[in-house]
PDB file of N, CA and C in Angstrom:
ATOM      1  N   MET A   1      -4.730  -0.782 -29.629  1.00  0.00           N
ATOM      2  CA  MET A   1      -5.390  -1.099 -28.375  1.00  0.00           C
ATOM      3  C   MET A   1      -4.411  -1.838 -27.466  1.00  0.00           C
ATOM      4  N   ASP A   2      -4.274  -1.383 -26.243  1.00  0.00           N
ATOM      5  CA  ASP A   2      -3.348  -1.985 -25.293  1.00  0.00           C
ATOM      6  C   ASP A   2      -3.995  -3.208 -24.652  1.00  0.00           C
ATOM      7  N   MET A   3      -3.401  -4.374 -24.878  1.00  0.00           N
ATOM      8  CA  MET A   3      -3.956  -5.627 -24.355  1.00  0.00           C
ATOM      9  C   MET A   3      -3.345  -6.008 -23.008  1.00  0.00           C
ATOM     10  N   ASN A   4      -2.369  -5.238 -22.554  1.00  0.00           N
ATOM     11  CA  ASN A   4      -1.737  -5.551 -21.276  1.00  0.00           C
ATOM     12  C   ASN A   4      -2.618  -5.078 -20.129  1.00  0.00           C
ATOM     13  N   PRO A   5      -2.768  -5.923 -19.100  1.00  0.00           N
ATOM     14  CA  PRO A   5      -3.558  -5.485 -17.939  1.00  0.00           C
ATOM     15  C   PRO A   5      -2.830  -4.360 -17.213  1.00  0.00           C
ATOM     16  N   PRO A   6      -3.573  -3.480 -16.544  1.00  0.00           N
ATOM     17  CA  PRO A   6      -2.914  -2.388 -15.812  1.00  0.00           C
ATOM     18  C   PRO A   6      -2.005  -2.952 -14.729  1.00  0.00           C
ATOM     19  N   GLU A   7      -0.886  -2.269 -14.545  1.00  0.00           N
ATOM     20  CA  GLU A   7       0.058  -2.717 -13.530  1.00  0.00           C
ATOM     21  C   GLU A   7      -0.559  -2.536 -12.150  1.00  0.00           C
ATOM     22  N   SER A   8      -0.508  -3.589 -11.364  1.00  0.00           N
ATOM     23  CA  SER A   8      -1.106  -3.560 -10.034  1.00  0.00           C
ATOM     24  C   SER A   8      -0.187  -2.835  -9.062  1.00  0.00           C
ATOM     25  N   VAL A   9      -0.740  -1.910  -8.322  1.00  0.00           N
ATOM     26  CA  VAL A   9       0.003  -1.199  -7.289  1.00  0.00           C
ATOM     27  C   VAL A   9      -0.411  -1.795  -5.954  1.00  0.00           C
ATOM     28  N   PRO A  10       0.575  -2.292  -5.167  1.00  0.00           N
ATOM     29  CA  PRO A  10       0.213  -2.883  -3.880  1.00  0.00           C
ATOM     30  C   PRO A  10      -0.469  -1.862  -2.976  1.00  0.00           C
ATOM     31  N   ARG A  11      -1.523  -2.300  -2.330  1.00  0.00           N
ATOM     32  CA  ARG A  11      -2.258  -1.427  -1.416  1.00  0.00           C
ATOM     33  C   ARG A  11      -1.594  -1.454  -0.044  1.00  0.00           C
ATOM     34  N   ASP A  12      -1.459  -0.298   0.565  1.00  0.00           N
ATOM     35  CA  ASP A  12      -0.882  -0.224   1.905  1.00  0.00           C
ATOM     36  C   ASP A  12      -1.922  -0.713   2.897  1.00  0.00           C
ATOM     37  N   ARG A  13      -1.644  -1.854   3.502  1.00  0.00           N
ATOM     38  CA  ARG A  13      -2.601  -2.440   4.438  1.00  0.00           C
ATOM     39  C   ARG A  13      -2.095  -2.394   5.875  1.00  0.00           C
ATOM     40  N   THR A  14      -1.079  -1.579   6.145  1.00  0.00           N
ATOM     41  CA  THR A  14      -0.549  -1.534   7.505  1.00  0.00           C
ATOM     42  C   THR A  14      -1.580  -1.024   8.498  1.00  0.00           C
ATOM     43  N   SER A  15      -2.523  -0.203   8.049  1.00  0.00           N
ATOM     44  CA  SER A  15      -3.544   0.310   8.966  1.00  0.00           C
ATOM     45  C   SER A  15      -4.495  -0.793   9.419  1.00  0.00           C
ATOM     46  N   GLU A  16      -4.487  -1.922   8.725  1.00  0.00           N
ATOM     47  CA  GLU A  16      -5.362  -3.037   9.078  1.00  0.00           C
ATOM     48  C   GLU A  16      -4.704  -4.016  10.049  1.00  0.00           C
ATOM     49  N   LEU A  17      -3.468  -3.743  10.452  1.00  0.00           N
ATOM     50  CA  LEU A  17      -2.760  -4.656  11.344  1.00  0.00           C
ATOM     51  C   LEU A  17      -3.412  -4.716  12.714  1.00  0.00           C
ATOM     52  N   ARG A  18      -3.550  -5.901  13.214  1.00  0.00           N
ATOM     53  CA  ARG A  18      -4.044  -6.116  14.576  1.00  0.00           C
ATOM     54  C   ARG A  18      -3.046  -7.050  15.252  1.00  0.00           C
ATOM     55  N   LEU A  19      -2.033  -6.474  15.874  1.00  0.00           N
ATOM     56  CA  LEU A  19      -0.970  -7.259  16.483  1.00  0.00           C
ATOM     57  C   LEU A  19      -0.995  -7.114  17.998  1.00  0.00           C
ATOM     58  N   SER A  20      -0.627  -8.201  18.676  1.00  0.00           N
ATOM     59  CA  SER A  20      -0.462  -8.116  20.125  1.00  0.00           C
ATOM     60  C   SER A  20       0.821  -7.332  20.399  1.00  0.00           C
ATOM     61  N   ALA A  21       1.020  -6.935  21.632  1.00  0.00           N
ATOM     62  CA  ALA A  21       2.229  -6.193  21.998  1.00  0.00           C
ATOM     63  C   ALA A  21       3.470  -7.028  21.696  1.00  0.00           C
ATOM     64  N   GLN A  22       3.398  -8.326  21.969  1.00  0.00           N
ATOM     65  CA  GLN A  22       4.541  -9.203  21.706  1.00  0.00           C
ATOM     66  C   GLN A  22       4.808  -9.319  20.200  1.00  0.00           C
ATOM     67  N   GLN A  23       3.754  -9.470  19.412  1.00  0.00           N
ATOM     68  CA  GLN A  23       3.920  -9.559  17.961  1.00  0.00           C
ATOM     69  C   GLN A  23       4.502  -8.264  17.405  1.00  0.00           C
ATOM     70  N   GLN A  24       4.014  -7.139  17.910  1.00  0.00           N
ATOM     71  CA  GLN A  24       4.533  -5.845  17.461  1.00  0.00           C
ATOM     72  C   GLN A  24       6.014  -5.721  17.805  1.00  0.00           C
ATOM     73  N   TYR A  25       6.385  -6.118  19.018  1.00  0.00           N
ATOM     74  CA  TYR A  25       7.785  -6.065  19.437  1.00  0.00           C
ATOM     75  C   TYR A  25       8.650  -6.946  18.540  1.00  0.00           C
ATOM     76  N   LEU A  26       8.186  -8.175  18.281  1.00  0.00           N
ATOM     77  CA  LEU A  26       8.956  -9.102  17.452  1.00  0.00           C
ATOM     78  C   LEU A  26       9.109  -8.583  16.022  1.00  0.00           C
ATOM     79  N   LEU A  27       8.055  -8.018  15.470  1.00  0.00           N
ATOM     80  CA  LEU A  27       8.122  -7.466  14.122  1.00  0.00           C
ATOM     81  C   LEU A  27       9.078  -6.279  14.078  1.00  0.00           C
ATOM     82  N   ASP A  28       9.015  -5.422  15.081  1.00  0.00           N
ATOM     83  CA  ASP A  28       9.923  -4.279  15.150  1.00  0.00           C
ATOM     84  C   ASP A  28      11.369  -4.747  15.247  1.00  0.00           C
ATOM     85  N   GLU A  29      11.625  -5.730  16.090  1.00  0.00           N
ATOM     86  CA  GLU A  29      12.983  -6.253  16.236  1.00  0.00           C
ATOM     87  C   GLU A  29      13.461  -6.920  14.951  1.00  0.00           C
ATOM     88  N   ALA A  30      12.579  -7.667  14.283  1.00  0.00           N
ATOM     89  CA  ALA A  30      12.950  -8.321  13.023  1.00  0.00           C
ATOM     90  C   ALA A  30      13.327  -7.281  11.968  1.00  0.00           C
ATOM     91  N   LEU A  31      12.534  -6.232  11.865  1.00  0.00           N
ATOM     92  CA  LEU A  31      12.844  -5.179  10.895  1.00  0.00           C
ATOM     93  C   LEU A  31      14.132  -4.446  11.280  1.00  0.00           C
ATOM     94  N   SER A  32      14.358  -4.241  12.572  1.00  0.00           N
ATOM     95  CA  SER A  32      15.595  -3.598  13.026  1.00  0.00           C
ATOM     96  C   SER A  32      16.812  -4.452  12.691  1.00  0.00           C
ATOM     97  N   LEU A  33      16.692  -5.752  12.906  1.00  0.00           N
ATOM     98  CA  LEU A  33      17.797  -6.651  12.568  1.00  0.00           C
ATOM     99  C   LEU A  33      18.041  -6.681  11.065  1.00  0.00           C
ATOM    100  N   LEU A  34      16.975  -6.652  10.283  1.00  0.00           N
ATOM    101  CA  LEU A  34      17.115  -6.611   8.829  1.00  0.00           C
ATOM    102  C   LEU A  34      17.845  -5.336   8.401  1.00  0.00           C
ATOM    103  N   ILE A  35      17.511  -4.224   9.028  1.00  0.00           N
ATOM    104  CA  ILE A  35      18.204  -2.961   8.738  1.00  0.00           C
ATOM    105  C   ILE A  35      19.686  -3.083   9.080  1.00  0.00           C
ATOM    106  N   ASP A  36      20.002  -3.664  10.240  1.00  0.00           N
ATOM    107  CA  ASP A  36      21.398  -3.836  10.641  1.00  0.00           C
ATOM    108  C   ASP A  36      22.167  -4.700   9.645  1.00  0.00           C
ATOM    109  N   VAL A  37      21.578  -5.829   9.258  1.00  0.00           N
ATOM    110  CA  VAL A  37      22.245  -6.751   8.338  1.00  0.00           C
ATOM    111  C   VAL A  37      22.440  -6.098   6.975  1.00  0.00           C
ATOM    112  N   ARG A  38      21.405  -5.435   6.487  1.00  0.00           N
ATOM    113  CA  ARG A  38      21.519  -4.767   5.181  1.00  0.00           C
ATOM    114  C   ARG A  38      22.550  -3.639   5.239  1.00  0.00           C
ATOM    115  N   SER A  39      22.626  -2.931   6.363  1.00  0.00           N
ATOM    116  CA  SER A  39      23.617  -1.856   6.510  1.00  0.00           C
ATOM    117  C   SER A  39      25.031  -2.412   6.462  1.00  0.00           C
ATOM    118  N   ARG A  40      25.243  -3.521   7.145  1.00  0.00           N
ATOM    119  CA  ARG A  40      26.566  -4.163   7.112  1.00  0.00           C
ATOM    120  C   ARG A  40      26.895  -4.655   5.710  1.00  0.00           C
ATOM    121  N   ALA A  41      25.905  -5.237   5.042  1.00  0.00           N
ATOM    122  CA  ALA A  41      26.117  -5.711   3.669  1.00  0.00           C
ATOM    123  C   ALA A  41      26.466  -4.547   2.744  1.00  0.00           C
ATOM    124  N   LEU A  42      25.801  -3.418   2.926  1.00  0.00           N
ATOM    125  CA  LEU A  42      26.107  -2.223   2.135  1.00  0.00           C
ATOM    126  C   LEU A  42      27.544  -1.779   2.378  1.00  0.00           C
ATOM    127  N   ASP A  43      27.960  -1.779   3.619  1.00  0.00           N
ATOM    128  CA  ASP A  43      29.320  -1.377   3.971  1.00  0.00           C
ATOM    129  C   ASP A  43      30.340  -2.286   3.291  1.00  0.00           C
ATOM    130  N   ILE A  44      30.123  -3.586   3.371  1.00  0.00           N
ATOM    131  CA  ILE A  44      31.044  -4.550   2.751  1.00  0.00           C
ATOM    132  C   ILE A  44      31.048  -4.393   1.233  1.00  0.00           C
ATOM    133  N   ALA A  45      29.863  -4.291   0.642  1.00  0.00           N
ATOM    134  CA  ALA A  45      29.763  -4.151  -0.815  1.00  0.00           C
ATOM    135  C   ALA A  45      30.461  -2.879  -1.289  1.00  0.00           C
ATOM    136  N   ALA A  46      30.302  -1.797  -0.545  1.00  0.00           N
ATOM    137  CA  ALA A  46      30.940  -0.534  -0.922  1.00  0.00           C
ATOM    138  C   ALA A  46      32.459  -0.654  -0.864  1.00  0.00           C
ATOM    139  N   GLN A  47      32.971  -1.307   0.170  1.00  0.00           N
ATOM    140  CA  GLN A  47      34.419  -1.495   0.287  1.00  0.00           C
ATOM    141  C   GLN A  47      34.955  -2.330  -0.869  1.00  0.00           C
ATOM    142  N   VAL A  48      34.265  -3.412  -1.198  1.00  0.00           N
ATOM    143  CA  VAL A  48      34.687  -4.283  -2.303  1.00  0.00           C
ATOM    144  C   VAL A  48      34.651  -3.518  -3.623  1.00  0.00           C
ATOM    145  N   CYS A  49      33.584  -2.770  -3.852  1.00  0.00           N
ATOM    146  CA  CYS A  49      33.458  -2.000  -5.099  1.00  0.00           C
ATOM    147  C   CYS A  49      34.567  -0.969  -5.232  1.00  0.00           C
ATOM    148  N   ARG A  50      34.916  -0.313  -4.138  1.00  0.00           N
ATOM    149  CA  ARG A  50      35.999   0.670  -4.188  1.00  0.00           C
ATOM    150  C   ARG A  50      37.320   0.010  -4.556  1.00  0.00           C
ATOM    151  N   ARG A  51      37.580  -1.144  -3.945  1.00  0.00           N
ATOM    152  CA  ARG A  51      38.833  -1.854  -4.241  1.00  0.00           C
ATOM    153  C   ARG A  51      38.902  -2.290  -5.694  1.00  0.00           C
ATOM    154  N   GLN A  52      37.754  -2.637  -6.253  1.00  0.00           N
ATOM    155  CA  GLN A  52      37.711  -3.103  -7.640  1.00  0.00           C
ATOM    156  C   GLN A  52      37.519  -1.959  -8.630  1.00  0.00           C
ATOM    157  N   GLY A  53      37.315  -0.767  -8.129  1.00  0.00           N
ATOM    158  CA  GLY A  53      37.104   0.379  -9.004  1.00  0.00           C
ATOM    159  C   GLY A  53      35.718   0.408  -9.628  1.00  0.00           C
ATOM    160  N   SER A  54      34.775  -0.288  -9.022  1.00  0.00           N
ATOM    161  CA  SER A  54      33.397  -0.339  -9.533  1.00  0.00           C
ATOM    162  C   SER A  54      32.549   0.762  -8.901  1.00  0.00           C
ATOM    163  N   ALA A  55      31.360   0.929  -9.439  1.00  0.00           N
ATOM    164  CA  ALA A  55      30.400   1.879  -8.860  1.00  0.00           C
ATOM    165  C   ALA A  55      29.998   1.402  -7.469  1.00  0.00           C
ATOM    166  N   VAL A  56      29.949   2.331  -6.539  1.00  0.00           N
ATOM    167  CA  VAL A  56      29.620   2.007  -5.147  1.00  0.00           C
ATOM    168  C   VAL A  56      28.102   2.023  -4.973  1.00  0.00           C
ATOM    169  N   PRO A  57      27.542   0.971  -4.354  1.00  0.00           N
ATOM    170  CA  PRO A  57      26.092   0.943  -4.126  1.00  0.00           C
ATOM    171  C   PRO A  57      25.683   1.980  -3.083  1.00  0.00           C
ATOM    172  N   ASP A  58      24.393   2.297  -3.069  1.00  0.00           N
ATOM    173  CA  ASP A  58      23.889   3.211  -2.042  1.00  0.00           C
ATOM    174  C   ASP A  58      22.767   2.526  -1.266  1.00  0.00           C
ATOM    175  N   VAL A  59      22.174   3.256  -0.331  1.00  0.00           N
ATOM    176  CA  VAL A  59      21.162   2.677   0.555  1.00  0.00           C
ATOM    177  C   VAL A  59      19.957   2.133  -0.204  1.00  0.00           C
ATOM    178  N   HIS A  60      19.646   2.728  -1.354  1.00  0.00           N
ATOM    179  CA  HIS A  60      18.494   2.266  -2.137  1.00  0.00           C
ATOM    180  C   HIS A  60      18.754   0.902  -2.767  1.00  0.00           C
ATOM    181  N   ASP A  61      20.009   0.603  -3.081  1.00  0.00           N
ATOM    182  CA  ASP A  61      20.346  -0.703  -3.642  1.00  0.00           C
ATOM    183  C   ASP A  61      20.080  -1.829  -2.646  1.00  0.00           C
ATOM    184  N   PHE A  62      20.084  -1.510  -1.374  1.00  0.00           N
ATOM    185  CA  PHE A  62      19.836  -2.499  -0.330  1.00  0.00           C
ATOM    186  C   PHE A  62      18.470  -2.311   0.323  1.00  0.00           C
ATOM    187  N   GLN A  63      17.635  -1.486  -0.277  1.00  0.00           N
ATOM    188  CA  GLN A  63      16.253  -1.258   0.155  1.00  0.00           C
ATOM    189  C   GLN A  63      16.126  -0.738   1.586  1.00  0.00           C
ATOM    190  N   LEU A  64      17.153  -0.082   2.098  1.00  0.00           N
ATOM    191  CA  LEU A  64      17.100   0.417   3.479  1.00  0.00           C
ATOM    192  C   LEU A  64      15.998   1.447   3.711  1.00  0.00           C
ATOM    193  N   PRO A  65      15.814   2.439   2.850  1.00  0.00           N
ATOM    194  CA  PRO A  65      14.720   3.388   3.098  1.00  0.00           C
ATOM    195  C   PRO A  65      13.344   2.711   3.106  1.00  0.00           C
ATOM    196  N   ALA A  66      13.149   1.717   2.254  1.00  0.00           N
ATOM    197  CA  ALA A  66      11.860   1.017   2.208  1.00  0.00           C
ATOM    198  C   ALA A  66      11.609   0.237   3.495  1.00  0.00           C
ATOM    199  N   ILE A  67      12.649  -0.396   4.019  1.00  0.00           N
ATOM    200  CA  ILE A  67      12.506  -1.167   5.261  1.00  0.00           C
ATOM    201  C   ILE A  67      12.219  -0.228   6.429  1.00  0.00           C
ATOM    202  N   ILE A  68      12.923   0.891   6.478  1.00  0.00           N
ATOM    203  CA  ILE A  68      12.702   1.867   7.548  1.00  0.00           C
ATOM    204  C   ILE A  68      11.298   2.450   7.456  1.00  0.00           C
ATOM    205  N   ASP A  69      10.849   2.727   6.238  1.00  0.00           N
ATOM    206  CA  ASP A  69       9.488   3.237   6.041  1.00  0.00           C
ATOM    207  C   ASP A  69       8.459   2.210   6.518  1.00  0.00           C
ATOM    208  N   LEU A  70       8.683   0.948   6.194  1.00  0.00           N
ATOM    209  CA  LEU A  70       7.774  -0.106   6.645  1.00  0.00           C
ATOM    210  C   LEU A  70       7.754  -0.180   8.168  1.00  0.00           C
ATOM    211  N   GLN A  71       8.914  -0.086   8.787  1.00  0.00           N
ATOM    212  CA  GLN A  71       8.990  -0.124  10.247  1.00  0.00           C
ATOM    213  C   GLN A  71       8.194   1.033  10.855  1.00  0.00           C
ATOM    214  N   ARG A  72       8.306   2.206  10.276  1.00  0.00           N
ATOM    215  CA  ARG A  72       7.554   3.366  10.775  1.00  0.00           C
ATOM    216  C   ARG A  72       6.053   3.186  10.584  1.00  0.00           C
ATOM    217  N   ARG A  73       5.644   2.683   9.407  1.00  0.00           N
ATOM    218  CA  ARG A  73       4.215   2.507   9.140  1.00  0.00           C
ATOM    219  C   ARG A  73       3.611   1.463  10.071  1.00  0.00           C
ATOM    220  N   VAL A  74       4.337   0.390  10.326  1.00  0.00           N
ATOM    221  CA  VAL A  74       3.844  -0.640  11.245  1.00  0.00           C
ATOM    222  C   VAL A  74       3.712  -0.053  12.644  1.00  0.00           C
ATOM    223  N   ALA A  75       4.707   0.709  13.077  1.00  0.00           N
ATOM    224  CA  ALA A  75       4.655   1.321  14.412  1.00  0.00           C
ATOM    225  C   ALA A  75       3.473   2.278  14.522  1.00  0.00           C
ATOM    226  N   ALA A  76       3.237   3.065  13.481  1.00  0.00           N
ATOM    227  CA  ALA A  76       2.120   4.015  13.499  1.00  0.00           C
ATOM    228  C   ALA A  76       0.781   3.291  13.495  1.00  0.00           C
ATOM    229  N   ALA A  77       0.693   2.199  12.754  1.00  0.00           N
ATOM    230  CA  ALA A  77      -0.560   1.450  12.673  1.00  0.00           C
ATOM    231  C   ALA A  77      -0.882   0.749  13.989  1.00  0.00           C
ATOM    232  N   CYS A  78       0.150   0.370  14.718  1.00  0.00           N
ATOM    233  CA  CYS A  78      -0.056  -0.366  15.967  1.00  0.00           C
ATOM    234  C   CYS A  78      -0.161   0.545  17.183  1.00  0.00           C
ATOM    235  N   ALA A  79       0.136   1.829  17.006  1.00  0.00           N
ATOM    236  CA  ALA A  79       0.081   2.761  18.135  1.00  0.00           C
ATOM    237  C   ALA A  79      -1.370   3.052  18.484  1.00  0.00           C
ATOM    238  N   PRO A  80      -1.680   3.161  19.779  1.00  0.00           N
ATOM    239  CA  PRO A  80      -3.036   3.531  20.166  1.00  0.00           C
ATOM    240  C   PRO A  80      -3.365   4.928  19.646  1.00  0.00           C
ATOM    241  N   PRO A  81      -4.643   5.226  19.386  1.00  0.00           N
ATOM    242  CA  PRO A  81      -5.026   6.528  18.828  1.00  0.00           C
ATOM    243  C   PRO A  81      -4.586   7.724  19.662  1.00  0.00           C
ATOM    244  N   ASP A  82      -4.491   7.564  20.982  1.00  0.00           N
ATOM    245  CA  ASP A  82      -4.117   8.692  21.838  1.00  0.00           C
ATOM    246  C   ASP A  82      -2.654   8.621  22.256  1.00  0.00           C
ATOM    247  N   ALA A  83      -1.818   8.103  21.390  1.00  0.00           N
ATOM    248  CA  ALA A  83      -0.401   7.925  21.722  1.00  0.00           C
ATOM    249  C   ALA A  83       0.406   9.181  21.422  1.00  0.00           C
ATOM    250  N   THR A  84      -0.033  10.307  21.925  1.00  0.00           N
ATOM    251  CA  THR A  84       0.703  11.551  21.694  1.00  0.00           C
ATOM    252  C   THR A  84       1.814  11.733  22.709  1.00  0.00           C
ATOM    253  N   VAL A  85       1.683  11.107  23.880  1.00  0.00           N
ATOM    254  CA  VAL A  85       2.703  11.186  24.914  1.00  0.00           C
ATOM    255  C   VAL A  85       3.493   9.889  24.879  1.00  0.00           C
ATOM    256  N   PRO A  86       4.831   9.959  24.792  1.00  0.00           N
ATOM    257  CA  PRO A  86       5.613   8.730  24.739  1.00  0.00           C
ATOM    258  C   PRO A  86       5.454   7.918  26.015  1.00  0.00           C
ATOM    259  N   HIS A  87       5.451   6.618  25.850  1.00  0.00           N
ATOM    260  CA  HIS A  87       5.361   5.695  26.978  1.00  0.00           C
ATOM    261  C   HIS A  87       6.608   5.866  27.835  1.00  0.00           C
ATOM    262  N   PRO A  88       6.473   5.834  29.184  1.00  0.00           N
ATOM    263  CA  PRO A  88       7.625   6.062  30.058  1.00  0.00           C
ATOM    264  C   PRO A  88       8.775   5.094  29.799  1.00  0.00           C
ATOM    265  N   GLY A  89       8.475   3.889  29.336  1.00  0.00           N
ATOM    266  CA  GLY A  89       9.533   2.913  29.091  1.00  0.00           C
ATOM    267  C   GLY A  89      10.045   2.920  27.675  1.00  0.00           C
ATOM    268  N   SER A  90       9.618   3.890  26.871  1.00  0.00           N
ATOM    269  CA  SER A  90      10.029   3.883  25.462  1.00  0.00           C
ATOM    270  C   SER A  90      11.507   4.223  25.331  1.00  0.00           C
ATOM    271  N   GLN A  91      12.097   3.685  24.292  1.00  0.00           N
ATOM    272  CA  GLN A  91      13.518   3.876  24.036  1.00  0.00           C
ATOM    273  C   GLN A  91      13.733   5.166  23.258  1.00  0.00           C
ATOM    274  N   ALA A  92      14.864   5.769  23.454  1.00  0.00           N
ATOM    275  CA  ALA A  92      15.218   6.945  22.652  1.00  0.00           C
ATOM    276  C   ALA A  92      15.530   6.491  21.234  1.00  0.00           C
ATOM    277  N   ALA A  93      15.249   7.344  20.283  1.00  0.00           N
ATOM    278  CA  ALA A  93      15.524   6.997  18.887  1.00  0.00           C
ATOM    279  C   ALA A  93      17.029   6.941  18.657  1.00  0.00           C
ATOM    280  N   VAL A  94      17.435   5.973  17.875  1.00  0.00           N
ATOM    281  CA  VAL A  94      18.830   5.809  17.504  1.00  0.00           C
ATOM    282  C   VAL A  94      18.907   6.029  16.001  1.00  0.00           C
ATOM    283  N   THR A  95      19.880   6.773  15.539  1.00  0.00           N
ATOM    284  CA  THR A  95      19.971   7.054  14.112  1.00  0.00           C
ATOM    285  C   THR A  95      20.672   5.922  13.384  1.00  0.00           C
ATOM    286  N   VAL A  96      19.998   5.375  12.373  1.00  0.00           N
ATOM    287  CA  VAL A  96      20.591   4.351  11.517  1.00  0.00           C
ATOM    288  C   VAL A  96      21.195   5.039  10.307  1.00  0.00           C
ATOM    289  N   LEU A  97      20.408   5.844   9.658  1.00  0.00           N
ATOM    290  CA  LEU A  97      20.862   6.629   8.520  1.00  0.00           C
ATOM    291  C   LEU A  97      20.581   8.077   8.867  1.00  0.00           C
ATOM    292  N   SER A  98      21.315   8.963   8.292  1.00  0.00           N
ATOM    293  CA  SER A  98      21.162  10.376   8.612  1.00  0.00           C
ATOM    294  C   SER A  98      19.711  10.817   8.503  1.00  0.00           C
ATOM    295  N   GLY A  99      19.147  11.269   9.620  1.00  0.00           N
ATOM    296  CA  GLY A  99      17.779  11.776   9.629  1.00  0.00           C
ATOM    297  C   GLY A  99      16.704  10.716   9.708  1.00  0.00           C
ATOM    298  N   ILE A 100      17.076   9.444   9.843  1.00  0.00           N
ATOM    299  CA  ILE A 100      16.077   8.382   9.909  1.00  0.00           C
ATOM    300  C   ILE A 100      16.207   7.700  11.264  1.00  0.00           C
ATOM    301  N   PRO A 101      15.349   8.043  12.238  1.00  0.00           N
ATOM    302  CA  PRO A 101      15.456   7.452  13.567  1.00  0.00           C
ATOM    303  C   PRO A 101      15.006   6.000  13.587  1.00  0.00           C
ATOM    304  N   ARG A 102      15.507   5.261  14.549  1.00  0.00           N
ATOM    305  CA  ARG A 102      15.177   3.863  14.703  1.00  0.00           C
ATOM    306  C   ARG A 102      14.615   3.654  16.092  1.00  0.00           C
ATOM    307  N   ARG A 103      13.600   2.833  16.202  1.00  0.00           N
ATOM    308  CA  ARG A 103      12.900   2.651  17.462  1.00  0.00           C
ATOM    309  C   ARG A 103      13.542   1.602  18.359  1.00  0.00           C
ATOM    310  N   SER A 104      14.260   0.683  17.829  1.00  0.00           N
ATOM    311  CA  SER A 104      14.775  -0.429  18.609  1.00  0.00           C
ATOM    312  C   SER A 104      15.858   0.013  19.587  1.00  0.00           C
ATOM    313  N   GLY A 105      15.985  -0.721  20.679  1.00  0.00           N
ATOM    314  CA  GLY A 105      17.032  -0.449  21.647  1.00  0.00           C
ATOM    315  C   GLY A 105      18.364  -1.058  21.245  1.00  0.00           C
ATOM    316  N   LYS A 106      18.388  -1.849  20.178  1.00  0.00           N
ATOM    317  CA  LYS A 106      19.631  -2.447  19.700  1.00  0.00           C
ATOM    318  C   LYS A 106      20.528  -1.354  19.142  1.00  0.00           C
ATOM    319  N   HIS A 107      21.816  -1.612  19.139  1.00  0.00           N
ATOM    320  CA  HIS A 107      22.747  -0.636  18.575  1.00  0.00           C
ATOM    321  C   HIS A 107      22.591  -0.603  17.067  1.00  0.00           C
ATOM    322  N   ALA A 108      22.639   0.571  16.513  1.00  0.00           N
ATOM    323  CA  ALA A 108      22.521   0.735  15.062  1.00  0.00           C
ATOM    324  C   ALA A 108      23.802   0.284  14.389  1.00  0.00           C
ATOM    325  N   ALA A 109      23.651  -0.234  13.194  1.00  0.00           N
ATOM    326  CA  ALA A 109      24.824  -0.595  12.411  1.00  0.00           C
ATOM    327  C   ALA A 109      25.579   0.678  12.061  1.00  0.00           C
ATOM    328  N   ARG A 110      26.857   0.623  12.147  1.00  0.00           N
ATOM    329  CA  ARG A 110      27.673   1.784  11.815  1.00  0.00           C
ATOM    330  C   ARG A 110      28.140   1.637  10.374  1.00  0.00           C
ATOM    331  N   ILE A 111      27.772   2.578   9.566  1.00  0.00           N
ATOM    332  CA  ILE A 111      28.180   2.555   8.169  1.00  0.00           C
ATOM    333  C   ILE A 111      29.325   3.537   8.031  1.00  0.00           C
ATOM    334  N   SER A 112      30.526   3.000   7.866  1.00  0.00           N
ATOM    335  CA  SER A 112      31.695   3.867   7.750  1.00  0.00           C
ATOM    336  C   SER A 112      32.285   3.688   6.361  1.00  0.00           C
ATOM    337  N   LEU A 113      31.909   4.576   5.483  1.00  0.00           N
ATOM    338  CA  LEU A 113      32.393   4.509   4.115  1.00  0.00           C
ATOM    339  C   LEU A 113      33.371   5.648   3.886  1.00  0.00           C
ATOM    340  N   PRO A 114      34.653   5.304   3.678  1.00  0.00           N
ATOM    341  CA  PRO A 114      35.620   6.373   3.445  1.00  0.00           C
ATOM    342  C   PRO A 114      35.319   7.089   2.133  1.00  0.00           C
ATOM    343  N   VAL A 115      35.526   8.379   2.136  1.00  0.00           N
ATOM    344  CA  VAL A 115      35.290   9.180   0.939  1.00  0.00           C
ATOM    345  C   VAL A 115      36.609   9.313   0.196  1.00  0.00           C
ATOM    346  N   ASP A 116      36.607   8.825  -1.038  1.00  0.00           N
ATOM    347  CA  ASP A 116      37.812   8.935  -1.862  1.00  0.00           C
ATOM    348  C   ASP A 116      37.882  10.334  -2.437  1.00  0.00           C
ATOM    349  N   GLY A 117      38.993  11.000  -2.240  1.00  0.00           N
ATOM    350  CA  GLY A 117      39.103  12.378  -2.694  1.00  0.00           C
ATOM    351  C   GLY A 117      39.977  12.575  -3.876  1.00  0.00           C
TER     352      GLY A 117
END
């Protein structure tokens, strides 16, 4: 008989968010800055690992896809139901990682990892 309690899976509560426009903007900017910082950290860690001959980390080691997913879910939860037409003042998407657009107007971190051949 298994006496261990079932592992709890966190419930996605982003649909329950009720944020003001300012709060939404601040949260989006905070997540964008976190993505930038983690991207730079990944770049530095990869360079150090290459110099030391160690295994090079990837985006999952720095939780970048999870942060980007959270940013998207928060944006979707805070968007009005009829938000099919982009707002005239909306920013163009900037690519942080290949195929993953970013909503912030800040410049994306540039990840330049040389490929050892």
